[in-house]
C-alpha atoms as a PDB file:
ATOM      1  CA  MET A   1     112.086 114.172  58.770  1.00  0.00           C
ATOM      2  CA  THR A   2     113.080 111.342  56.453  1.00  0.00           C
ATOM      3  CA  GLU A   3     115.214 108.346  57.335  1.00  0.00           C
ATOM      4  CA  ALA A   4     117.938 109.693  55.049  1.00  0.00           C
ATOM      5  CA  ASN A   5     118.244 112.805  57.250  1.00  0.00           C
ATOM      6  CA  ARG A   6     118.288 110.919  60.551  1.00  0.00           C
ATOM      7  CA  PRO A   7     121.740 109.962  61.838  1.00  0.00           C
ATOM      8  CA  SER A   8     122.214 106.217  62.319  1.00  0.00           C
ATOM      9  CA  GLU A   9     124.423 106.408  65.415  1.00  0.00           C
ATOM     10  CA  LYS A  10     123.925 108.229  68.681  1.00  0.00           C
ATOM     11  CA  PRO A  11     126.326 111.192  68.767  1.00  0.00           C
ATOM     12  CA  GLU A  12     128.337 112.245  71.813  1.00  0.00           C
ATOM     13  CA  TRP A  13     127.869 115.960  71.039  1.00  0.00           C
ATOM     14  CA  ILE A  14     125.592 117.868  68.666  1.00  0.00           C
ATOM     15  CA  ARG A  15     125.779 121.393  67.269  1.00  0.00           C
ATOM     16  CA  LEU A  16     123.072 124.000  67.477  1.00  0.00           C
ATOM     17  CA  PRO A  17     120.914 124.014  64.355  1.00  0.00           C
ATOM     18  CA  LYS A  18     121.370 126.862  61.895  1.00  0.00           C
ATOM     19  CA  PRO A  19     119.102 129.890  62.432  1.00  0.00           C
ATOM     20  CA  GLY A  20     115.603 129.135  61.146  1.00  0.00           C
ATOM     21  CA  GLU A  21     116.185 125.372  61.220  1.00  0.00           C
ATOM     22  CA  ARG A  22     115.370 122.699  63.784  1.00  0.00           C
ATOM     23  CA  CYS A  23     117.544 120.087  65.448  1.00  0.00           C
ATOM     24  CA  ILE A  24     117.536 116.849  63.450  1.00  0.00           C
ATOM     25  CA  HIS A  25     117.627 114.804  66.681  1.00  0.00           C
ATOM     26  CA  THR A  26     114.901 116.514  68.719  1.00  0.00           C
ATOM     27  CA  GLY A  27     113.002 118.920  66.478  1.00  0.00           C
ATOM     28  CA  LEU A  28     113.788 121.783  68.878  1.00  0.00           C
ATOM     29  CA  SER A  29     114.521 125.244  67.520  1.00  0.00           C
ATOM     30  CA  ARG A  30     117.877 126.957  67.923  1.00  0.00           C
ATOM     31  CA  SER A  31     116.437 129.463  70.419  1.00  0.00           C
ATOM     32  CA  THR A  32     114.873 126.734  72.566  1.00  0.00           C
ATOM     33  CA  MET A  33     118.139 124.808  72.650  1.00  0.00           C
ATOM     34  CA  ASN A  34     120.013 127.986  73.590  1.00  0.00           C
ATOM     35  CA  GLU A  35     117.612 128.504  76.516  1.00  0.00           C
ATOM     36  CA  LEU A  36     118.493 125.017  77.748  1.00  0.00           C
ATOM     37  CA  VAL A  37     122.281 125.435  77.586  1.00  0.00           C
ATOM     38  CA  ILE A  38     123.120 129.113  78.197  1.00  0.00           C
ATOM     39  CA  PRO A  39     122.773 130.543  81.733  1.00  0.00           C
ATOM     40  CA  SER A  40     119.921 133.077  81.665  1.00  0.00           C
ATOM     41  CA  ASP A  41     116.857 134.352  83.527  1.00  0.00           C
ATOM     42  CA  ALA A  42     114.801 131.671  81.749  1.00  0.00           C
ATOM     43  CA  ASN A  43     116.683 128.893  83.595  1.00  0.00           C
ATOM     44  CA  ASP A  44     117.647 130.797  86.780  1.00  0.00           C
ATOM     45  CA  TYR A  45     121.237 130.866  85.504  1.00  0.00           C
ATOM     46  CA  LEU A  46     121.475 127.080  85.944  1.00  0.00           C
ATOM     47  CA  PRO A  47     121.188 125.521  82.476  1.00  0.00           C
ATOM     48  CA  PRO A  48     119.624 122.049  82.689  1.00  0.00           C
ATOM     49  CA  VAL A  49     121.589 120.739  79.689  1.00  0.00           C
ATOM     50  CA  ARG A  50     125.385 120.439  79.521  1.00  0.00           C
ATOM     51  CA  SER A  51     127.276 122.171  76.713  1.00  0.00           C
ATOM     52  CA  ALA A  52     130.757 123.308  75.774  1.00  0.00           C
ATOM     53  CA  VAL A  53     132.146 126.065  73.572  1.00  0.00           C
ATOM     54  CA  ILE A  54     135.173 125.521  71.361  1.00  0.00           C
ATOM     55  CA  LYS A  55     136.934 128.691  70.298  1.00  0.00           C
ATOM     56  CA  LYS A  56     140.380 129.869  69.392  1.00  0.00           C
ATOM     57  CA  ARG A  57     142.382 131.993  71.800  1.00  0.00           C
ATOM     58  CA  GLY A  58     141.205 135.603  71.693  1.00  0.00           C
ATOM     59  CA  ALA A  59     138.153 134.785  69.577  1.00  0.00           C
ATOM     60  CA  MET A  60     134.820 136.391  70.432  1.00  0.00           C
ATOM     61  CA  ARG A  61     132.784 133.531  68.957  1.00  0.00           C
ATOM     62  CA  GLY A  62     133.059 129.800  68.975  1.00  0.00           C
ATOM     63  CA  ILE A  63     131.191 126.582  68.269  1.00  0.00           C
ATOM     64  CA  ARG A  64     128.701 125.518  70.946  1.00  0.00           C
ATOM     65  CA  LEU A  65     128.417 121.769  71.344  1.00  0.00           C
ATOM     66  CA  ILE A  66     125.557 120.224  73.303  1.00  0.00           C
ATOM     67  CA  SER A  67     125.824 116.930  75.158  1.00  0.00           C
ATOM     68  CA  TYR A  68     123.391 114.588  73.420  1.00  0.00           C
ATOM     69  CA  ASP A  69     122.919 112.432  76.542  1.00  0.00           C
ATOM     70  CA  SER A  70     122.290 115.483  78.717  1.00  0.00           C
ATOM     71  CA  LEU A  71     119.740 116.899  76.260  1.00  0.00           C
ATOM     72  CA  MET A  72     117.891 113.598  75.877  1.00  0.00           C
ATOM     73  CA  GLY A  73     117.959 113.041  79.651  1.00  0.00           C
ATOM     74  CA  TYR A  74     116.368 116.445  80.175  1.00  0.00           C
ATOM     75  CA  ILE A  75     113.656 115.784  77.578  1.00  0.00           C
ATOM     76  CA  ASN A  76     112.950 112.298  78.960  1.00  0.00           C
ATOM     77  CA  GLY A  77     112.732 113.786  82.456  1.00  0.00           C
ATOM     78  CA  LEU A  78     110.013 116.146  81.251  1.00  0.00           C
ATOM     79  CA  CYS A  79     108.021 113.178  79.958  1.00  0.00           C
ATOM     80  CA  GLU A  80     108.331 111.386  83.309  1.00  0.00           C
ATOM     81  CA  ILE A  81     107.202 114.477  85.235  1.00  0.00           C
ATOM     82  CA  GLU A  82     104.197 114.916  82.943  1.00  0.00           C
ATOM     83  CA  PHE A  83     103.281 111.225  83.320  1.00  0.00           C
ATOM     84  CA  ASP A  84     103.581 111.357  87.129  1.00  0.00           C
ATOM     85  CA  GLU A  85     101.401 114.477  87.311  1.00  0.00           C
ATOM     86  CA  GLY A  86      98.805 112.794  85.101  1.00  0.00           C
ATOM     87  CA  GLU A  87      98.553 109.824  87.473  1.00  0.00           C
ATOM     88  CA  ALA A  88      98.075 112.053  90.509  1.00  0.00           C
ATOM     89  CA  ALA A  89      95.029 113.756  89.005  1.00  0.00           C
END
């Protein structure tokens, strides 16, 4: 990723990347991000990352927005867990 592609300010919310692309903030794929925000078997129906869907009344589809702080907090938490487990060994 080049500096020209990287946003200069921290966003409040981010959109899912387009299919086949990766998130410009984290490098995660669309399917991985969906697993983190949509209740499913993969996350015991308790998504670890906060998101919201904006859609018009009666619409079947909408725009899923992901909380940037929630996503980064989750990722940083994984790093802390990995570090703690490494010290215990």
